[in-house]
Amino acid sequence: MNATQISTYQPAHAGAVLDPRAAMTARIAAAADAARAAGTFAAYLDEQSANTRRAQATDLGAFAAFLATAGHTNPPTGEELQNDPDAWRGVSASLLDAFKQWTIREGYAIGTANRRLATVKTYARLAAGAGAISTDETTKIATVKGYSAKAARHTDAQRKEQEIATRKGAKKSQFNDLDRQQCRRLKEIAAETDAAGNPTPRGRRDALLIALLLDHGLRIGEAVILTRKDFDLERGELRFYRPKVNKTQRHRLTPDTIRAFVAYVAAGHAQDDDQPLLHRSKKNRALTAEPLDERSANDRIATLGRKIGIANLSPHDLRHTWTGRHAERASKGECNILEIQEAGGWSSLSIVR
């Protein structure tokens, strides 16, 4: 090292002072890192369909609910988890494993548990790319696996022994098949009013929810991800996505569904075209800003069922009732079974039969 090199050399230790040019480069690099982190989620979401984003929002909302029940006093919301990498700071493999077990204890179907875990892992991976989760922890998170078919059977057998539900919000071995009078009564009860006879916010929401399930045979997972722009009143059509079969379909809106939708929107309950249409409710029957999730919808349907004398009424009972009504039409030659399969979004004709 010559004299000039000795006079300008700075040791590369923590207290070394960068020359002005290097310092400026470092500041620009830091700003670029921040911009890249902020854009990681946005870039991913831009590549997803609106229906995928809505389905993932439901899964992330479940993760937020898990954090709250686990004792988090200020958990991130589902919206924050979907858009802000910083909302994932502190997330670990152990936390994801606990979430996986929580979904099972809550009685969700194995398929639902696996899907929600996959969504959370996807966003954790994105957060890691944005620098919110360490590389070591990301490697550990990748080892958290969903339930295999064999593990699913074993887990469900254990849950049955412990009298824990194994298919919350899913199919049952015995259906409640509603007759026409019960269907009318259910719609009347759903459209609750206050002491002055005015519709309540919850009543408007429930009226629309019941119409979607009874008149269109939607699965509950399909109903909770609907947005305002899925309703085309000019054409009289409902456009919706079926995640289970990865298909987008259109149904002719029924008069009851149109009336319920118009009343719901006119009351100001759906302000954003791209956000889930249906919202959760409070005990005072007002609606919150949080999207209605599958579990809350299942609980509400069960409550409405008890009010008309039907125990354990589920959303799938209403889909089953819709199917039965169209099967009756098919027996009279008014439609055929293939039309029922298409309208109901089944991949196999044997399921319809």
Protein backbone atom coordinates (compact mmCIF):
# COMPACT_ATOMS: atom_id res chain seq x y z
CA MET A 1 0.00 0.00 0.00
CA ASN A 2 1.54 3.34 -1.07
CA ALA A 3 1.43 6.65 0.80
CA THR A 4 -1.66 7.88 -1.05
CA GLN A 5 -3.56 4.69 -0.34
CA ILE A 6 -2.61 4.85 3.33
CA SER A 7 -3.89 8.42 3.69
CA THR A 8 -7.32 7.66 2.16
CA TYR A 9 -7.92 4.14 3.46
CA GLN A 10 -10.78 3.66 5.93
CA PRO A 11 -11.19 0.33 7.77
CA ALA A 12 -14.50 -1.44 7.02
CA HIS A 13 -15.87 -1.47 10.57
CA ALA A 14 -19.21 -0.37 11.98
CA GLY A 15 -18.03 3.14 12.73
CA ALA A 16 -16.51 3.78 9.32
CA VAL A 17 -17.72 6.95 7.58
CA LEU A 18 -18.71 6.60 3.95
CA ASP A 19 -17.61 9.20 1.44
CA PRO A 20 -20.45 11.47 0.24
CA ARG A 21 -20.98 9.56 -3.01
CA ALA A 22 -21.21 6.20 -1.28
CA ALA A 23 -23.54 7.65 1.34
CA MET A 24 -25.86 8.98 -1.35
CA THR A 25 -25.83 5.60 -3.13
CA ALA A 26 -26.72 3.93 0.16
CA ARG A 27 -29.64 6.33 0.72
CA ILE A 28 -30.97 5.72 -2.79
CA ALA A 29 -30.60 1.97 -2.28
CA ALA A 30 -32.49 2.18 1.02
CA ALA A 31 -35.30 4.11 -0.67
CA ALA A 32 -35.39 1.53 -3.47
CA ASP A 33 -35.60 -1.26 -0.90
CA ALA A 34 -38.50 0.48 0.81
CA ALA A 35 -40.33 0.99 -2.49
CA ARG A 36 -39.75 -2.62 -3.46
CA ALA A 37 -41.08 -3.83 -0.13
CA ALA A 38 -44.20 -1.65 -0.46
CA GLY A 39 -44.81 -2.87 -4.00
CA THR A 40 -44.34 -6.59 -3.36
CA PHE A 41 -47.93 -7.26 -2.33
CA ALA A 42 -49.38 -4.85 -4.90
CA ALA A 43 -47.51 -6.60 -7.72
CA TYR A 44 -48.76 -10.00 -6.57
CA LEU A 45 -52.37 -8.82 -6.22
CA ASP A 46 -52.31 -7.25 -9.67
CA GLU A 47 -51.66 -10.73 -11.10
CA GLN A 48 -54.65 -12.29 -9.31
CA SER A 49 -58.27 -12.27 -10.39
CA ALA A 50 -60.75 -10.29 -8.34
CA ASN A 51 -62.34 -13.51 -7.13
CA THR A 52 -59.01 -14.93 -5.99
CA ARG A 53 -58.30 -11.73 -4.07
CA ARG A 54 -61.69 -11.94 -2.37
CA ALA A 55 -61.22 -15.61 -1.47
CA GLN A 56 -57.79 -14.87 -0.02
CA ALA A 57 -59.23 -11.93 1.92
CA THR A 58 -61.57 -14.38 3.65
CA ASP A 59 -58.66 -16.67 4.53
CA LEU A 60 -56.58 -13.79 5.88
CA GLY A 61 -59.57 -12.58 7.87
CA ALA A 62 -59.60 -16.01 9.54
CA PHE A 63 -55.91 -15.62 10.36
CA ALA A 64 -56.63 -12.21 11.91
CA ALA A 65 -59.44 -13.79 13.97
CA PHE A 66 -57.03 -16.47 15.14
CA LEU A 67 -54.53 -13.85 16.31
CA ALA A 68 -57.27 -12.10 18.29
CA THR A 69 -58.41 -15.32 19.97
CA ALA A 70 -54.78 -16.16 20.75
CA GLY A 71 -54.52 -13.02 22.86
CA HIS A 72 -53.20 -10.42 20.40
CA THR A 73 -54.53 -7.13 21.76
CA ASN A 74 -54.05 -5.24 18.49
CA PRO A 75 -54.00 -7.80 15.68
CA PRO A 76 -53.65 -6.72 12.04
CA THR A 77 -56.85 -6.81 10.04
CA GLY A 78 -57.36 -9.10 7.09
CA GLU A 79 -57.03 -6.08 4.80
CA GLU A 80 -53.69 -5.12 6.34
CA LEU A 81 -52.42 -8.67 6.02
CA GLN A 82 -53.31 -8.62 2.33
CA ASN A 83 -51.67 -5.29 1.55
CA ASP A 84 -48.96 -4.40 4.06
CA PRO A 85 -45.76 -6.47 4.48
CA ASP A 86 -45.15 -4.89 7.89
CA ALA A 87 -48.34 -6.54 9.17
CA TRP A 88 -46.43 -9.84 8.96
CA ARG A 89 -43.54 -8.88 11.22
CA GLY A 90 -43.23 -11.36 14.06
CA VAL A 91 -45.04 -14.16 12.17
CA SER A 92 -43.26 -17.47 12.63
CA ALA A 93 -43.54 -21.12 11.64
CA SER A 94 -44.81 -21.94 15.12
CA LEU A 95 -47.57 -19.34 14.73
CA LEU A 96 -48.67 -20.84 11.40
CA ASP A 97 -48.71 -24.30 12.93
CA ALA A 98 -50.89 -22.98 15.76
CA PHE A 99 -53.24 -21.40 13.19
CA LYS A 100 -53.50 -24.72 11.38
CA GLN A 101 -54.48 -26.46 14.62
CA TRP A 102 -56.91 -23.67 15.52
CA THR A 103 -58.87 -24.15 12.28
CA ILE A 104 -59.27 -27.81 13.21
CA ARG A 105 -60.42 -27.07 16.75
CA GLU A 106 -62.89 -24.56 15.35
CA GLY A 107 -64.50 -27.36 13.37
CA TYR A 108 -63.54 -26.33 9.83
CA ALA A 109 -63.27 -29.00 7.15
CA ILE A 110 -59.78 -30.30 6.38
CA GLY A 111 -59.99 -28.82 2.88
CA THR A 112 -60.77 -25.38 4.33
CA ALA A 113 -57.92 -25.68 6.84
CA ASN A 114 -55.47 -26.62 4.09
CA ARG A 115 -56.61 -23.79 1.81
CA ARG A 116 -56.32 -21.17 4.53
CA LEU A 117 -52.88 -22.39 5.54
CA ALA A 118 -51.77 -22.21 1.90
CA THR A 119 -53.00 -18.61 1.61
CA VAL A 120 -51.22 -17.56 4.80
CA LYS A 121 -48.00 -19.23 3.66
CA THR A 122 -48.22 -17.43 0.32
CA TYR A 123 -48.45 -14.02 1.97
CA ALA A 124 -45.77 -14.90 4.52
CA ARG A 125 -43.49 -15.73 1.60
CA LEU A 126 -44.30 -12.38 0.00
CA ALA A 127 -43.60 -10.64 3.30
CA ALA A 128 -40.25 -12.42 3.49
CA GLY A 129 -39.39 -11.14 0.03
CA ALA A 130 -40.18 -7.64 1.29
CA GLY A 131 -37.85 -8.11 4.24
CA ALA A 132 -40.54 -8.37 6.94
CA ILE A 133 -39.67 -11.99 7.81
CA SER A 134 -36.14 -13.33 8.11
CA THR A 135 -34.71 -15.87 5.68
CA ASP A 136 -34.26 -18.44 8.46
CA GLU A 137 -37.87 -18.11 9.57
CA THR A 138 -39.06 -18.31 5.97
CA THR A 139 -37.30 -21.65 5.62
CA LYS A 140 -39.06 -22.90 8.75
CA ILE A 141 -42.45 -21.63 7.54
CA ALA A 142 -42.05 -23.66 4.34
CA THR A 143 -41.94 -26.83 6.48
CA VAL A 144 -45.46 -26.25 7.87
CA LYS A 145 -47.56 -28.58 5.76
CA GLY A 146 -51.29 -29.08 5.36
CA TYR A 147 -53.10 -32.31 6.16
CA SER A 148 -52.56 -35.28 3.87
CA ALA A 149 -55.50 -37.56 3.03
CA LYS A 150 -54.35 -40.08 5.64
CA ALA A 151 -53.78 -37.42 8.29
CA ALA A 152 -57.18 -35.91 7.46
CA ARG A 153 -58.97 -39.19 8.15
CA HIS A 154 -57.10 -39.64 11.42
CA THR A 155 -57.77 -36.03 12.50
CA ASP A 156 -61.49 -36.24 11.70
CA ALA A 157 -61.75 -39.54 13.60
CA GLN A 158 -60.21 -37.86 16.63
CA ARG A 159 -62.52 -34.87 16.34
CA LYS A 160 -65.57 -37.13 16.23
CA GLU A 161 -64.39 -38.88 19.40
CA GLN A 162 -64.02 -35.48 21.06
CA GLU A 163 -67.40 -34.33 19.65
CA ILE A 164 -65.77 -31.54 17.65
CA ALA A 165 -67.37 -30.59 14.31
CA THR A 166 -65.47 -31.83 11.28
CA ARG A 167 -67.17 -29.90 8.49
CA LYS A 168 -68.25 -26.51 9.77
CA GLY A 169 -70.25 -24.85 7.03
CA ALA A 170 -69.98 -27.89 4.80
CA LYS A 171 -72.15 -30.82 3.81
CA LYS A 172 -74.04 -32.97 6.33
CA SER A 173 -75.06 -36.61 6.14
CA GLN A 174 -78.70 -35.58 6.67
CA PHE A 175 -80.16 -32.47 5.05
CA ASN A 176 -82.93 -30.18 6.17
CA ASP A 177 -85.07 -30.04 3.05
CA LEU A 178 -87.32 -27.00 3.31
CA ASP A 179 -90.77 -26.97 1.76
CA ARG A 180 -92.15 -23.88 0.02
CA GLN A 181 -93.90 -22.59 3.12
CA GLN A 182 -90.69 -22.89 5.17
CA CYS A 183 -88.76 -21.07 2.46
CA ARG A 184 -91.24 -18.18 2.55
CA ARG A 185 -91.15 -18.10 6.33
CA LEU A 186 -87.34 -18.07 6.37
CA LYS A 187 -87.25 -15.08 4.03
CA GLU A 188 -89.77 -13.25 6.21
CA ILE A 189 -87.79 -13.91 9.39
CA ALA A 190 -84.51 -12.92 7.73
CA ALA A 191 -85.90 -9.50 6.76
CA GLU A 192 -86.18 -8.41 10.41
CA THR A 193 -87.50 -4.98 11.39
CA ASP A 194 -87.13 -2.78 14.46
CA ALA A 195 -89.87 -1.79 16.92
CA ALA A 196 -91.09 0.87 14.49
CA GLY A 197 -91.36 -1.63 11.67
CA ASN A 198 -88.32 -0.37 9.77
CA PRO A 199 -85.84 -2.85 8.26
CA THR A 200 -82.67 -3.24 10.30
CA PRO A 201 -79.23 -3.25 8.64
CA ARG A 202 -78.80 -6.89 9.62
CA GLY A 203 -82.24 -7.64 8.25
CA ARG A 204 -81.37 -6.16 4.87
CA ARG A 205 -78.17 -8.19 4.75
CA ASP A 206 -79.88 -11.41 5.82
CA ALA A 207 -82.67 -10.94 3.29
CA LEU A 208 -80.07 -10.72 0.52
CA LEU A 209 -78.04 -13.63 1.89
CA ILE A 210 -81.06 -15.95 2.10
CA ALA A 211 -82.18 -15.00 -1.41
CA LEU A 212 -78.73 -15.81 -2.79
CA LEU A 213 -78.67 -19.22 -1.10
CA LEU A 214 -82.30 -20.24 -1.63
CA ASP A 215 -82.98 -18.72 -5.05
CA HIS A 216 -79.58 -19.34 -6.67
CA GLY A 217 -78.15 -22.33 -4.83
CA LEU A 218 -74.87 -20.59 -4.06
CA ARG A 219 -72.36 -22.19 -1.74
CA ILE A 220 -71.68 -19.99 1.27
CA GLY A 221 -68.08 -19.49 0.16
CA GLU A 222 -69.38 -18.12 -3.14
CA ALA A 223 -71.86 -15.76 -1.48
CA VAL A 224 -69.43 -14.09 0.92
CA ILE A 225 -67.01 -13.06 -1.84
CA LEU A 226 -69.63 -11.34 -4.01
CA THR A 227 -69.22 -7.62 -4.69
CA ARG A 228 -71.68 -4.97 -5.81
CA LYS A 229 -70.45 -5.05 -9.39
CA ASP A 230 -71.33 -8.75 -9.65
CA PHE A 231 -74.98 -7.66 -9.89
CA ASP A 232 -76.06 -6.41 -13.31
CA LEU A 233 -79.56 -5.02 -12.80
CA GLU A 234 -79.82 -3.82 -16.39
CA ARG A 235 -79.40 -7.37 -17.66
CA GLY A 236 -81.05 -8.87 -14.59
CA GLU A 237 -78.02 -11.12 -14.04
CA LEU A 238 -75.77 -12.23 -11.21
CA ARG A 239 -72.17 -12.97 -12.14
CA PHE A 240 -70.26 -15.03 -9.58
CA TYR A 241 -67.19 -17.20 -9.14
CA ARG A 242 -67.16 -20.80 -7.89
CA PRO A 243 -63.70 -21.40 -6.30
CA LYS A 244 -64.43 -25.09 -5.81
CA VAL A 245 -64.60 -25.74 -9.56
CA ASN A 246 -62.72 -22.61 -10.71
CA LYS A 247 -65.62 -21.42 -12.83
CA THR A 248 -67.38 -18.09 -13.31
CA GLN A 249 -71.12 -18.33 -13.97
CA ARG A 250 -74.18 -16.17 -14.54
CA HIS A 251 -77.67 -16.63 -13.11
CA ARG A 252 -80.87 -14.81 -13.90
CA LEU A 253 -81.67 -12.75 -10.80
CA THR A 254 -84.95 -13.63 -9.09
CA PRO A 255 -87.38 -10.87 -8.07
CA ASP A 256 -86.66 -11.51 -4.36
CA THR A 257 -82.92 -11.22 -4.93
CA ILE A 258 -83.30 -7.98 -6.91
CA ARG A 259 -85.51 -6.43 -4.22
CA ALA A 260 -83.12 -7.45 -1.44
CA PHE A 261 -80.05 -6.21 -3.32
CA VAL A 262 -81.62 -2.85 -4.21
CA ALA A 263 -82.75 -2.28 -0.60
CA TYR A 264 -79.32 -3.22 0.74
CA VAL A 265 -77.42 -0.92 -1.61
CA ALA A 266 -79.92 1.95 -1.27
CA ALA A 267 -79.39 1.88 2.51
CA GLY A 268 -75.67 2.54 1.94
CA HIS A 269 -74.36 -0.85 3.00
CA ALA A 270 -72.23 -1.38 -0.13
CA GLN A 271 -69.97 1.58 -0.80
CA ASP A 272 -67.13 -0.10 -2.70
CA ASP A 273 -67.53 -2.02 -5.95
CA ASP A 274 -64.44 -4.17 -5.32
CA GLN A 275 -64.97 -5.07 -1.66
CA PRO A 276 -67.10 -7.98 -0.36
CA LEU A 277 -70.76 -6.99 -0.49
CA LEU A 278 -71.96 -8.64 2.73
CA HIS A 279 -70.69 -7.37 6.10
CA ARG A 280 -70.64 -8.80 9.60
CA SER A 281 -73.20 -7.55 12.11
CA LYS A 282 -73.12 -6.40 15.73
CA LYS A 283 -75.43 -7.42 18.55
CA ASN A 284 -77.33 -4.17 18.06
CA ARG A 285 -78.10 -5.34 14.46
CA ALA A 286 -75.87 -2.69 12.86
CA LEU A 287 -73.28 -3.75 10.29
CA THR A 288 -69.52 -3.45 10.69
CA ALA A 289 -66.88 -2.69 8.06
CA GLU A 290 -65.61 -6.28 8.26
CA PRO A 291 -66.65 -8.69 5.48
CA LEU A 292 -69.03 -11.47 6.43
CA ASP A 293 -67.02 -14.68 6.79
CA GLU A 294 -68.21 -18.25 6.30
CA ARG A 295 -68.29 -19.09 9.99
CA SER A 296 -70.40 -16.06 10.93
CA ALA A 297 -72.74 -16.75 8.01
CA ASN A 298 -73.17 -20.36 9.13
CA ASP A 299 -73.97 -19.24 12.66
CA ARG A 300 -76.50 -16.71 11.40
CA ILE A 301 -78.26 -19.24 9.18
CA ALA A 302 -78.51 -21.63 12.13
CA THR A 303 -80.05 -18.85 14.26
CA LEU A 304 -82.62 -18.02 11.58
CA GLY A 305 -83.41 -21.71 11.22
CA ARG A 306 -84.20 -22.03 14.91
CA LYS A 307 -86.63 -19.12 14.58
CA ILE A 308 -88.72 -21.15 12.12
CA GLY A 309 -88.39 -24.37 14.10
CA ILE A 310 -85.54 -26.04 12.18
CA ALA A 311 -82.56 -27.25 14.19
CA ASN A 312 -79.04 -27.11 12.73
CA LEU A 313 -80.05 -25.28 9.55
CA SER A 314 -76.98 -24.68 7.39
CA PRO A 315 -76.27 -22.81 4.16
CA HIS A 316 -75.82 -26.14 2.43
CA ASP A 317 -79.37 -27.09 3.42
CA LEU A 318 -80.55 -24.12 1.37
CA ARG A 319 -78.43 -25.21 -1.59
CA HIS A 320 -79.86 -28.72 -1.21
CA THR A 321 -83.38 -27.25 -1.15
CA TRP A 322 -82.63 -25.28 -4.33
CA THR A 323 -81.40 -28.47 -6.01
CA GLY A 324 -84.47 -30.41 -4.94
CA ARG A 325 -86.78 -27.74 -6.31
CA HIS A 326 -85.08 -27.95 -9.72
CA ALA A 327 -85.03 -31.74 -9.61
CA GLU A 328 -88.80 -31.56 -9.21
CA ARG A 329 -88.96 -29.37 -12.31
CA ALA A 330 -86.81 -31.89 -14.18
CA SER A 331 -89.22 -34.67 -13.25
CA LYS A 332 -91.99 -32.63 -14.92
CA GLY A 333 -89.92 -32.09 -18.06
CA GLU A 334 -89.47 -28.38 -17.39
CA CYS A 335 -85.65 -28.73 -17.42
CA ASN A 336 -83.11 -31.53 -17.57
CA ILE A 337 -80.49 -32.79 -15.16
CA LEU A 338 -77.63 -31.43 -17.25
CA GLU A 339 -79.06 -27.93 -16.85
CA ILE A 340 -79.20 -28.47 -13.08
CA GLN A 341 -75.58 -29.61 -13.09
CA GLU A 342 -74.49 -26.53 -15.02
CA ALA A 343 -76.51 -24.08 -12.94
CA GLY A 344 -75.36 -25.65 -9.67
CA GLY A 345 -71.70 -25.70 -10.66
CA TRP A 346 -71.06 -29.40 -10.13
CA SER A 347 -68.16 -31.09 -11.91
CA SER A 348 -69.85 -34.49 -11.94
CA LEU A 349 -73.35 -35.53 -12.89
CA SER A 350 -73.23 -38.27 -10.26
CA ILE A 351 -73.15 -35.62 -7.52
CA VAL A 352 -76.40 -34.14 -8.82
CA ARG A 353 -78.01 -37.57 -8.96
